[in-house]
């Protein structure tokens, strides 16, 4: 087995946090099943993300609707974890939660200490987002909506998304492609700005 911890490097960046880091922040990346949470964290993380994915079995067929993601072969069963250094002294940890109802008990520990949540939605399956919104609000987390545009030609307008999800006027709605780092970063920035605004108001 090849192990070389002295280099402390991965293909994506340094494995260990710099000694200059004095502050860490935690953000949740949430959403319904097969909406792109694992993909977004993978696009943003400066380290190889930790993933707890398992192959989907025949037993899950009656529970998991694959009509919107027919090629999906694995699913997150605990969490995804990624890291992003924002400044010399500040690091952001990204925690992705499972999307299926049967894994929702994992939310209690994952949500503890989080500043807020980036809620990924598929505009073609907005009805699946309501249980996730209920959970976010039950934990008192502020959030931003990131519309993952799988098919740009079927883009829904911001007003349509707001009305369909019954969002508060100040809840950010941004569009992203979870596969693209720059696009995903813009969604994350929208959430951070929203959290800063809420903090100043409070």
C-alpha atoms as a PDB file:
ATOM      1  CA  UNK A   1       0.000   0.000   0.000  1.00  0.00           C
ATOM      2  CA  UNK A   2       1.379   3.384  -0.991  1.00  0.00           C
ATOM      3  CA  UNK A   3       1.185   5.952   1.785  1.00  0.00           C
ATOM      4  CA  UNK A   4       3.083   9.212   1.774  1.00  0.00           C
ATOM      5  CA  UNK A   5       1.612  11.513   4.438  1.00  0.00           C
ATOM      6  CA  UNK A   6       4.714  13.685   4.519  1.00  0.00           C
ATOM      7  CA  UNK A   7       3.765  15.345   1.256  1.00  0.00           C
ATOM      8  CA  UNK A   8       0.295  16.116   2.639  1.00  0.00           C
ATOM      9  CA  UNK A   9      -0.920  16.779  -0.879  1.00  0.00           C
ATOM     10  CA  UNK A  10      -3.832  15.485  -2.906  1.00  0.00           C
ATOM     11  CA  UNK A  11      -4.609  15.899  -6.582  1.00  0.00           C
ATOM     12  CA  UNK A  12      -6.866  18.817  -5.671  1.00  0.00           C
ATOM     13  CA  UNK A  13      -4.820  20.589  -2.998  1.00  0.00           C
ATOM     14  CA  UNK A  14      -3.191  20.401   0.467  1.00  0.00           C
ATOM     15  CA  UNK A  15      -4.582  17.603   2.598  1.00  0.00           C
ATOM     16  CA  UNK A  16      -4.149  19.362   5.930  1.00  0.00           C
ATOM     17  CA  UNK A  17      -5.416  22.738   7.064  1.00  0.00           C
ATOM     18  CA  UNK A  18      -2.761  25.446   7.302  1.00  0.00           C
ATOM     19  CA  UNK A  19      -1.496  26.315  10.777  1.00  0.00           C
ATOM     20  CA  UNK A  20      -2.544  29.904  10.051  1.00  0.00           C
ATOM     21  CA  UNK A  21      -6.238  28.897  10.090  1.00  0.00           C
ATOM     22  CA  UNK A  22      -7.902  30.054  13.304  1.00  0.00           C
ATOM     23  CA  UNK A  23     -11.572  29.993  12.279  1.00  0.00           C
ATOM     24  CA  UNK A  24     -13.725  27.289  10.730  1.00  0.00           C
ATOM     25  CA  UNK A  25     -17.274  27.634   9.415  1.00  0.00           C
ATOM     26  CA  UNK A  26     -19.767  24.951   8.462  1.00  0.00           C
ATOM     27  CA  UNK A  27     -22.297  25.040   5.626  1.00  0.00           C
ATOM     28  CA  UNK A  28     -24.808  22.341   4.696  1.00  0.00           C
ATOM     29  CA  UNK A  29     -25.474  21.383   1.089  1.00  0.00           C
ATOM     30  CA  UNK A  30     -28.970  19.915   1.028  1.00  0.00           C
ATOM     31  CA  UNK A  31     -31.691  18.894  -1.377  1.00  0.00           C
ATOM     32  CA  UNK A  32     -33.863  16.023  -2.442  1.00  0.00           C
ATOM     33  CA  UNK A  33     -32.649  12.735  -3.899  1.00  0.00           C
ATOM     34  CA  UNK A  34     -30.452  12.906  -7.021  1.00  0.00           C
ATOM     35  CA  UNK A  35     -30.364  16.711  -7.223  1.00  0.00           C
ATOM     36  CA  UNK A  36     -26.568  17.108  -7.405  1.00  0.00           C
ATOM     37  CA  UNK A  37     -25.326  17.613  -3.836  1.00  0.00           C
ATOM     38  CA  UNK A  38     -22.394  15.201  -4.095  1.00  0.00           C
ATOM     39  CA  UNK A  39     -21.469  16.666  -7.472  1.00  0.00           C
ATOM     40  CA  UNK A  40     -21.475  20.272  -6.191  1.00  0.00           C
ATOM     41  CA  UNK A  41     -19.300  19.480  -3.185  1.00  0.00           C
ATOM     42  CA  UNK A  42     -16.901  17.628  -5.463  1.00  0.00           C
ATOM     43  CA  UNK A  43     -16.720  20.646  -7.767  1.00  0.00           C
ATOM     44  CA  UNK A  44     -15.969  23.061  -4.911  1.00  0.00           C
ATOM     45  CA  UNK A  45     -13.770  21.099  -2.544  1.00  0.00           C
ATOM     46  CA  UNK A  46     -10.042  21.821  -2.559  1.00  0.00           C
ATOM     47  CA  UNK A  47      -9.400  18.321  -1.226  1.00  0.00           C
ATOM     48  CA  UNK A  48     -10.680  15.003  -2.475  1.00  0.00           C
ATOM     49  CA  UNK A  49     -14.145  14.968  -0.899  1.00  0.00           C
ATOM     50  CA  UNK A  50     -15.159  12.336   1.598  1.00  0.00           C
ATOM     51  CA  UNK A  51     -18.132  10.436   0.213  1.00  0.00           C
ATOM     52  CA  UNK A  52     -20.270   7.785   1.856  1.00  0.00           C
ATOM     53  CA  UNK A  53     -21.844   6.439  -1.289  1.00  0.00           C
ATOM     54  CA  UNK A  54     -23.163   2.930  -1.712  1.00  0.00           C
ATOM     55  CA  UNK A  55     -24.340   1.132  -4.809  1.00  0.00           C
ATOM     56  CA  UNK A  56     -28.076   1.264  -5.249  1.00  0.00           C
ATOM     57  CA  UNK A  57     -29.648  -2.151  -4.880  1.00  0.00           C
ATOM     58  CA  UNK A  58     -32.878  -3.683  -6.059  1.00  0.00           C
ATOM     59  CA  UNK A  59     -34.267  -3.109  -2.561  1.00  0.00           C
ATOM     60  CA  UNK A  60     -34.186   0.655  -3.071  1.00  0.00           C
ATOM     61  CA  UNK A  61     -36.284   0.597  -6.236  1.00  0.00           C
ATOM     62  CA  UNK A  62     -39.565   0.886  -4.339  1.00  0.00           C
ATOM     63  CA  UNK A  63     -38.242   3.911  -2.409  1.00  0.00           C
ATOM     64  CA  UNK A  64     -36.040   5.905  -4.798  1.00  0.00           C
ATOM     65  CA  UNK A  65     -37.525   7.428  -7.927  1.00  0.00           C
ATOM     66  CA  UNK A  66     -34.906   7.205 -10.661  1.00  0.00           C
ATOM     67  CA  UNK A  67     -37.063   8.639 -13.431  1.00  0.00           C
ATOM     68  CA  UNK A  68     -35.183  11.946 -13.310  1.00  0.00           C
ATOM     69  CA  UNK A  69     -31.775  10.256 -13.003  1.00  0.00           C
ATOM     70  CA  UNK A  70     -31.971   6.900 -14.804  1.00  0.00           C
ATOM     71  CA  UNK A  71     -28.164   6.525 -14.918  1.00  0.00           C
ATOM     72  CA  UNK A  72     -27.690   6.985 -11.173  1.00  0.00           C
ATOM     73  CA  UNK A  73     -25.951   3.946  -9.666  1.00  0.00           C
ATOM     74  CA  UNK A  74     -24.906   5.131  -6.186  1.00  0.00           C
ATOM     75  CA  UNK A  75     -26.453   7.188  -3.398  1.00  0.00           C
ATOM     76  CA  UNK A  76     -25.182   9.013  -0.304  1.00  0.00           C
ATOM     77  CA  UNK A  77     -26.076   7.114   2.867  1.00  0.00           C
ATOM     78  CA  UNK A  78     -24.455   9.316   5.529  1.00  0.00           C
ATOM     79  CA  UNK A  79     -22.793  12.514   4.303  1.00  0.00           C
ATOM     80  CA  UNK A  80     -20.454  14.161   1.841  1.00  0.00           C
ATOM     81  CA  UNK A  81     -17.634  16.315   3.156  1.00  0.00           C
ATOM     82  CA  UNK A  82     -15.485  18.914   1.432  1.00  0.00           C
ATOM     83  CA  UNK A  83     -13.262  21.828   2.377  1.00  0.00           C
ATOM     84  CA  UNK A  84     -12.683  25.285   0.945  1.00  0.00           C
ATOM     85  CA  UNK A  85     -10.121  27.786   2.245  1.00  0.00           C
ATOM     86  CA  UNK A  86     -11.593  31.284   2.080  1.00  0.00           C
ATOM     87  CA  UNK A  87      -8.727  33.243   3.641  1.00  0.00           C
ATOM     88  CA  UNK A  88      -5.379  32.560   5.297  1.00  0.00           C
ATOM     89  CA  UNK A  89      -7.132  32.206   8.653  1.00  0.00           C
ATOM     90  CA  UNK A  90     -10.581  30.958   7.567  1.00  0.00           C
ATOM     91  CA  UNK A  91     -11.693  27.583   6.258  1.00  0.00           C
ATOM     92  CA  UNK A  92     -15.181  26.504   5.186  1.00  0.00           C
ATOM     93  CA  UNK A  93     -16.409  22.944   5.648  1.00  0.00           C
ATOM     94  CA  UNK A  94     -19.140  21.683   3.352  1.00  0.00           C
ATOM     95  CA  UNK A  95     -21.415  18.903   4.601  1.00  0.00           C
ATOM     96  CA  UNK A  96     -23.784  17.231   2.169  1.00  0.00           C
ATOM     97  CA  UNK A  97     -26.800  15.394   3.558  1.00  0.00           C
ATOM     98  CA  UNK A  98     -28.669  12.409   2.090  1.00  0.00           C
ATOM     99  CA  UNK A  99     -31.794  13.302   0.155  1.00  0.00           C
ATOM    100  CA  UNK A 100     -34.036  10.371   0.996  1.00  0.00           C
ATOM    101  CA  UNK A 101     -36.571  10.515   3.808  1.00  0.00           C
ATOM    102  CA  UNK A 102     -35.248   7.299   5.383  1.00  0.00           C
ATOM    103  CA  UNK A 103     -31.907   8.995   6.109  1.00  0.00           C
ATOM    104  CA  UNK A 104     -33.320  12.176   7.623  1.00  0.00           C
ATOM    105  CA  UNK A 105     -32.417  11.113  11.178  1.00  0.00           C
ATOM    106  CA  UNK A 106     -28.814  11.924  10.242  1.00  0.00           C
ATOM    107  CA  UNK A 107     -29.712  15.598   9.970  1.00  0.00           C
ATOM    108  CA  UNK A 108     -29.670  16.283  13.708  1.00  0.00           C
ATOM    109  CA  UNK A 109     -25.932  15.749  14.077  1.00  0.00           C
ATOM    110  CA  UNK A 110     -25.044  17.143  10.654  1.00  0.00           C
ATOM    111  CA  UNK A 111     -26.979  20.379  11.177  1.00  0.00           C
ATOM    112  CA  UNK A 112     -25.450  21.100  14.577  1.00  0.00           C
ATOM    113  CA  UNK A 113     -23.178  24.151  14.340  1.00  0.00           C
ATOM    114  CA  UNK A 114     -24.013  24.959  10.720  1.00  0.00           C
ATOM    115  CA  UNK A 115     -24.266  28.619   9.744  1.00  0.00           C
ATOM    116  CA  UNK A 116     -26.771  27.972   6.987  1.00  0.00           C
ATOM    117  CA  UNK A 117     -27.703  25.753   4.074  1.00  0.00           C
ATOM    118  CA  UNK A 118     -27.385  25.842   0.306  1.00  0.00           C
ATOM    119  CA  UNK A 119     -30.542  24.147  -0.938  1.00  0.00           C
ATOM    120  CA  UNK A 120     -30.194  22.569  -4.369  1.00  0.00           C
ATOM    121  CA  UNK A 121     -33.411  22.119  -6.319  1.00  0.00           C
ATOM    122  CA  UNK A 122     -34.364  20.542  -9.625  1.00  0.00           C
ATOM    123  CA  UNK A 123     -36.984  22.829 -11.225  1.00  0.00           C
ATOM    124  CA  UNK A 124     -38.687  19.778 -12.734  1.00  0.00           C
ATOM    125  CA  UNK A 125     -39.178  18.257  -9.265  1.00  0.00           C
ATOM    126  CA  UNK A 126     -39.918  21.229  -7.045  1.00  0.00           C
ATOM    127  CA  UNK A 127     -42.526  19.307  -5.045  1.00  0.00           C
ATOM    128  CA  UNK A 128     -39.743  17.103  -3.643  1.00  0.00           C
ATOM    129  CA  UNK A 129     -38.110  20.167  -2.086  1.00  0.00           C
ATOM    130  CA  UNK A 130     -40.829  20.903   0.491  1.00  0.00           C
ATOM    131  CA  UNK A 131     -39.799  18.205   3.027  1.00  0.00           C
ATOM    132  CA  UNK A 132     -36.224  19.511   2.851  1.00  0.00           C
ATOM    133  CA  UNK A 133     -37.350  23.102   3.443  1.00  0.00           C
ATOM    134  CA  UNK A 134     -39.363  21.906   6.438  1.00  0.00           C
ATOM    135  CA  UNK A 135     -36.242  20.280   7.889  1.00  0.00           C
ATOM    136  CA  UNK A 136     -34.049  23.333   7.299  1.00  0.00           C
ATOM    137  CA  UNK A 137     -36.582  25.584   8.980  1.00  0.00           C
ATOM    138  CA  UNK A 138     -37.078  23.157  11.882  1.00  0.00           C
ATOM    139  CA  UNK A 139     -33.378  23.562  12.682  1.00  0.00           C
ATOM    140  CA  UNK A 140     -33.591  27.348  12.375  1.00  0.00           C
ATOM    141  CA  UNK A 141     -31.151  27.595   9.485  1.00  0.00           C
ATOM    142  CA  UNK A 142     -31.099  30.395   6.953  1.00  0.00           C
ATOM    143  CA  UNK A 143     -30.732  29.188   3.385  1.00  0.00           C
ATOM    144  CA  UNK A 144     -30.368  30.110  -0.259  1.00  0.00           C
ATOM    145  CA  UNK A 145     -31.915  28.293  -3.208  1.00  0.00           C
ATOM    146  CA  UNK A 146     -29.576  27.038  -5.927  1.00  0.00           C
ATOM    147  CA  UNK A 147     -31.510  25.911  -8.998  1.00  0.00           C
ATOM    148  CA  UNK A 148     -29.396  23.168 -10.544  1.00  0.00           C
ATOM    149  CA  UNK A 149     -29.995  23.633 -14.243  1.00  0.00           C
ATOM    150  CA  UNK A 150     -29.610  20.126 -15.615  1.00  0.00           C
ATOM    151  CA  UNK A 151     -31.374  21.164 -18.826  1.00  0.00           C
ATOM    152  CA  UNK A 152     -30.926  24.894 -19.548  1.00  0.00           C
ATOM    153  CA  UNK A 153     -33.564  24.787 -22.272  1.00  0.00           C
ATOM    154  CA  UNK A 154     -36.180  24.039 -19.570  1.00  0.00           C
ATOM    155  CA  UNK A 155     -35.166  26.951 -17.373  1.00  0.00           C
ATOM    156  CA  UNK A 156     -37.815  28.229 -14.992  1.00  0.00           C
ATOM    157  CA  UNK A 157     -37.895  31.909 -14.092  1.00  0.00           C
ATOM    158  CA  UNK A 158     -36.995  33.122 -10.610  1.00  0.00           C
ATOM    159  CA  UNK A 159     -40.548  34.316  -9.976  1.00  0.00           C
ATOM    160  CA  UNK A 160     -41.880  30.879 -10.882  1.00  0.00           C
ATOM    161  CA  UNK A 161     -39.488  29.182  -8.474  1.00  0.00           C
ATOM    162  CA  UNK A 162     -40.292  31.643  -5.693  1.00  0.00           C
ATOM    163  CA  UNK A 163     -44.015  31.202  -6.113  1.00  0.00           C
ATOM    164  CA  UNK A 164     -43.822  27.417  -6.364  1.00  0.00           C
ATOM    165  CA  UNK A 165     -41.722  27.119  -3.191  1.00  0.00           C
ATOM    166  CA  UNK A 166     -43.521  29.933  -1.323  1.00  0.00           C
ATOM    167  CA  UNK A 167     -40.225  31.618  -0.457  1.00  0.00           C
ATOM    168  CA  UNK A 168     -39.717  34.698   1.677  1.00  0.00           C
ATOM    169  CA  UNK A 169     -38.810  37.793  -0.378  1.00  0.00           C
ATOM    170  CA  UNK A 170     -35.242  37.924   0.951  1.00  0.00           C
ATOM    171  CA  UNK A 171     -34.403  34.263   0.261  1.00  0.00           C
ATOM    172  CA  UNK A 172     -31.779  34.250  -2.522  1.00  0.00           C
ATOM    173  CA  UNK A 173     -32.516  32.274  -5.679  1.00  0.00           C
ATOM    174  CA  UNK A 174     -29.534  31.604  -7.940  1.00  0.00           C
ATOM    175  CA  UNK A 175     -28.951  29.311 -10.908  1.00  0.00           C
ATOM    176  CA  UNK A 176     -26.007  26.969 -11.120  1.00  0.00           C
ATOM    177  CA  UNK A 177     -24.570  23.884 -12.751  1.00  0.00           C
ATOM    178  CA  UNK A 178     -23.368  21.629  -9.927  1.00  0.00           C
ATOM    179  CA  UNK A 179     -20.730  20.153 -12.245  1.00  0.00           C
ATOM    180  CA  UNK A 180     -19.061  23.530 -12.758  1.00  0.00           C
ATOM    181  CA  UNK A 181     -16.795  24.961 -10.047  1.00  0.00           C
ATOM    182  CA  UNK A 182     -17.292  28.621 -10.948  1.00  0.00           C
ATOM    183  CA  UNK A 183     -21.058  28.280 -11.186  1.00  0.00           C
ATOM    184  CA  UNK A 184     -21.228  26.398  -7.879  1.00  0.00           C
ATOM    185  CA  UNK A 185     -19.006  29.016  -6.226  1.00  0.00           C
ATOM    186  CA  UNK A 186     -21.418  31.778  -7.255  1.00  0.00           C
ATOM    187  CA  UNK A 187     -24.248  29.892  -5.553  1.00  0.00           C
ATOM    188  CA  UNK A 188     -22.179  29.508  -2.391  1.00  0.00           C
ATOM    189  CA  UNK A 189     -21.268  33.204  -2.438  1.00  0.00           C
ATOM    190  CA  UNK A 190     -24.970  34.106  -2.662  1.00  0.00           C
ATOM    191  CA  UNK A 191     -25.614  32.076   0.481  1.00  0.00           C
ATOM    192  CA  UNK A 192     -22.691  33.631   2.382  1.00  0.00           C
ATOM    193  CA  UNK A 193     -23.836  37.144   1.465  1.00  0.00           C
ATOM    194  CA  UNK A 194     -27.333  36.277   2.655  1.00  0.00           C
ATOM    195  CA  UNK A 195     -25.979  34.972   5.961  1.00  0.00           C
ATOM    196  CA  UNK A 196     -23.906  38.121   6.457  1.00  0.00           C
ATOM    197  CA  UNK A 197     -26.940  40.289   5.767  1.00  0.00           C
ATOM    198  CA  UNK A 198     -29.028  38.317   8.269  1.00  0.00           C
ATOM    199  CA  UNK A 199     -26.253  38.630  10.849  1.00  0.00           C
ATOM    200  CA  UNK A 200     -26.140  42.429  10.460  1.00  0.00           C
ATOM    201  CA  UNK A 201     -29.930  42.640  10.781  1.00  0.00           C
ATOM    202  CA  UNK A 202     -29.859  40.485  13.910  1.00  0.00           C
END
